[in-house]
C-alpha cells in the first residue's frame, strides 16, 4: 500500500513539475530574447548581477510560478484527474 501511495504521489508531482518546467523553459526563451539581463535595474540603480545569475534566478522564479499554476489546476480538477491516477495500477 505504501508503494502504491508513493507511486501516486510521484505521478502527481510529475504532473505538476514537468509541465511547469517546460513552461519555464519557454518563458525563459521568450523573455530573454527580448530583455538583456545586464540592462535590468532595481530601485533606480543597476541590478549588479551577472547574466547567468539573472537567467538562473528568473528560471527558478518562472518554474515556481508555473508549478503553482499547475498545482492549482490539478487541485481544481482533483475529482476527474486523481481517481484515474489512483486506480492506474
C-alpha atoms as a PDB file:
ATOM      1  CA  UNK A   1       0.000   0.000   0.000  1.00  0.00           C
ATOM      2  CA  UNK A   2       2.820   2.414   0.819  1.00  0.00           C
ATOM      3  CA  UNK A   3       4.430   1.756  -2.568  1.00  0.00           C
ATOM      4  CA  UNK A   4       1.129   2.482  -4.289  1.00  0.00           C
ATOM      5  CA  UNK A   5       0.753   5.764  -2.380  1.00  0.00           C
ATOM      6  CA  UNK A   6       4.317   6.739  -3.272  1.00  0.00           C
ATOM      7  CA  UNK A   7       3.622   5.923  -6.907  1.00  0.00           C
ATOM      8  CA  UNK A   8       0.504   8.088  -6.928  1.00  0.00           C
ATOM      9  CA  UNK A   9       2.331  10.982  -5.271  1.00  0.00           C
ATOM     10  CA  UNK A  10       5.265  10.708  -7.654  1.00  0.00           C
ATOM     11  CA  UNK A  11       2.861  10.781 -10.609  1.00  0.00           C
ATOM     12  CA  UNK A  12       1.103  13.816  -9.190  1.00  0.00           C
ATOM     13  CA  UNK A  13       4.420  15.536  -8.587  1.00  0.00           C
ATOM     14  CA  UNK A  14       5.496  14.895 -12.157  1.00  0.00           C
ATOM     15  CA  UNK A  15       2.082  16.006 -13.441  1.00  0.00           C
ATOM     16  CA  UNK A  16       2.871  19.362 -11.843  1.00  0.00           C
ATOM     17  CA  UNK A  17       6.652  19.645 -12.180  1.00  0.00           C
ATOM     18  CA  UNK A  18       7.162  18.568 -15.787  1.00  0.00           C
ATOM     19  CA  UNK A  19       4.671  20.944 -17.465  1.00  0.00           C
ATOM     20  CA  UNK A  20       5.894  23.716 -15.167  1.00  0.00           C
ATOM     21  CA  UNK A  21       9.488  23.015 -16.204  1.00  0.00           C
ATOM     22  CA  UNK A  22       8.595  23.139 -19.892  1.00  0.00           C
ATOM     23  CA  UNK A  23       6.622  26.359 -19.441  1.00  0.00           C
ATOM     24  CA  UNK A  24       9.508  27.927 -17.508  1.00  0.00           C
ATOM     25  CA  UNK A  25      11.897  26.982 -20.322  1.00  0.00           C
ATOM     26  CA  UNK A  26       9.613  28.610 -22.860  1.00  0.00           C
ATOM     27  CA  UNK A  27       9.200  31.735 -20.733  1.00  0.00           C
ATOM     28  CA  UNK A  28      12.962  31.959 -20.274  1.00  0.00           C
ATOM     29  CA  UNK A  29      13.488  31.831 -24.030  1.00  0.00           C
ATOM     30  CA  UNK A  30      10.839  34.419 -24.791  1.00  0.00           C
ATOM     31  CA  UNK A  31      11.719  36.869 -22.020  1.00  0.00           C
ATOM     32  CA  UNK A  32      15.456  36.839 -22.561  1.00  0.00           C
ATOM     33  CA  UNK A  33      15.124  37.043 -26.319  1.00  0.00           C
ATOM     34  CA  UNK A  34      13.682  40.491 -25.635  1.00  0.00           C
ATOM     35  CA  UNK A  35      15.471  41.570 -22.430  1.00  0.00           C
ATOM     36  CA  UNK A  36      19.188  41.982 -21.787  1.00  0.00           C
ATOM     37  CA  UNK A  37      19.879  40.943 -18.176  1.00  0.00           C
ATOM     38  CA  UNK A  38      22.708  43.462 -17.853  1.00  0.00           C
ATOM     39  CA  UNK A  39      20.300  46.324 -18.538  1.00  0.00           C
ATOM     40  CA  UNK A  40      17.947  45.433 -15.685  1.00  0.00           C
ATOM     41  CA  UNK A  41      17.669  47.911 -12.840  1.00  0.00           C
ATOM     42  CA  UNK A  42      16.361  47.731  -9.301  1.00  0.00           C
ATOM     43  CA  UNK A  43      15.260  50.756  -7.276  1.00  0.00           C
ATOM     44  CA  UNK A  44      16.700  53.153  -9.828  1.00  0.00           C
ATOM     45  CA  UNK A  45      20.148  51.578  -9.998  1.00  0.00           C
ATOM     46  CA  UNK A  46      21.690  48.721 -11.914  1.00  0.00           C
ATOM     47  CA  UNK A  47      20.876  45.257 -10.639  1.00  0.00           C
ATOM     48  CA  UNK A  48      24.542  44.312 -10.481  1.00  0.00           C
ATOM     49  CA  UNK A  49      24.087  40.598 -11.177  1.00  0.00           C
ATOM     50  CA  UNK A  50      25.822  38.629 -13.894  1.00  0.00           C
ATOM     51  CA  UNK A  51      23.819  37.424 -16.882  1.00  0.00           C
ATOM     52  CA  UNK A  52      23.971  33.857 -15.631  1.00  0.00           C
ATOM     53  CA  UNK A  53      22.703  34.860 -12.178  1.00  0.00           C
ATOM     54  CA  UNK A  54      19.743  36.696 -13.717  1.00  0.00           C
ATOM     55  CA  UNK A  55      18.978  33.765 -16.028  1.00  0.00           C
ATOM     56  CA  UNK A  56      19.112  31.331 -13.113  1.00  0.00           C
ATOM     57  CA  UNK A  57      17.008  33.432 -10.746  1.00  0.00           C
ATOM     58  CA  UNK A  58      14.449  34.141 -13.452  1.00  0.00           C
ATOM     59  CA  UNK A  59      14.222  30.480 -14.446  1.00  0.00           C
ATOM     60  CA  UNK A  60      13.542  29.353 -10.881  1.00  0.00           C
ATOM     61  CA  UNK A  61      11.032  32.173 -10.408  1.00  0.00           C
ATOM     62  CA  UNK A  62       9.262  31.167 -13.632  1.00  0.00           C
ATOM     63  CA  UNK A  63       9.351  27.494 -12.631  1.00  0.00           C
ATOM     64  CA  UNK A  64       7.895  28.268  -9.204  1.00  0.00           C
ATOM     65  CA  UNK A  65       5.040  30.330 -10.627  1.00  0.00           C
ATOM     66  CA  UNK A  66       4.301  27.725 -13.298  1.00  0.00           C
ATOM     67  CA  UNK A  67       4.396  24.918 -10.713  1.00  0.00           C
ATOM     68  CA  UNK A  68       1.950  26.806  -8.520  1.00  0.00           C
ATOM     69  CA  UNK A  69      -0.295  27.272 -11.528  1.00  0.00           C
ATOM     70  CA  UNK A  70      -0.089  23.584 -12.449  1.00  0.00           C
ATOM     71  CA  UNK A  71      -0.693  22.580  -8.846  1.00  0.00           C
ATOM     72  CA  UNK A  72      -3.781  24.750  -8.576  1.00  0.00           C
ATOM     73  CA  UNK A  73      -5.088  23.373 -11.871  1.00  0.00           C
ATOM     74  CA  UNK A  74      -4.541  19.816 -10.644  1.00  0.00           C
ATOM     75  CA  UNK A  75      -6.186  20.633  -7.328  1.00  0.00           C
ATOM     76  CA  UNK A  76      -9.204  22.154  -9.086  1.00  0.00           C
ATOM     77  CA  UNK A  77      -9.515  19.081 -11.309  1.00  0.00           C
ATOM     78  CA  UNK A  78      -8.889  16.662  -8.441  1.00  0.00           C
ATOM     79  CA  UNK A  79     -12.092  14.707  -8.915  1.00  0.00           C
ATOM     80  CA  UNK A  80     -11.562  13.890 -12.557  1.00  0.00           C
ATOM     81  CA  UNK A  81      -7.768  13.592 -12.521  1.00  0.00           C
ATOM     82  CA  UNK A  82      -6.869  11.963  -9.233  1.00  0.00           C
ATOM     83  CA  UNK A  83      -9.224   8.989  -9.425  1.00  0.00           C
ATOM     84  CA  UNK A  84      -7.694   7.587 -12.638  1.00  0.00           C
ATOM     85  CA  UNK A  85      -4.181   8.124 -11.258  1.00  0.00           C
ATOM     86  CA  UNK A  86      -5.038   6.338  -8.031  1.00  0.00           C
ATOM     87  CA  UNK A  87      -6.513   3.335  -9.830  1.00  0.00           C
ATOM     88  CA  UNK A  88      -3.937   3.139 -12.642  1.00  0.00           C
ATOM     89  CA  UNK A  89      -2.025   0.182 -11.244  1.00  0.00           C
END
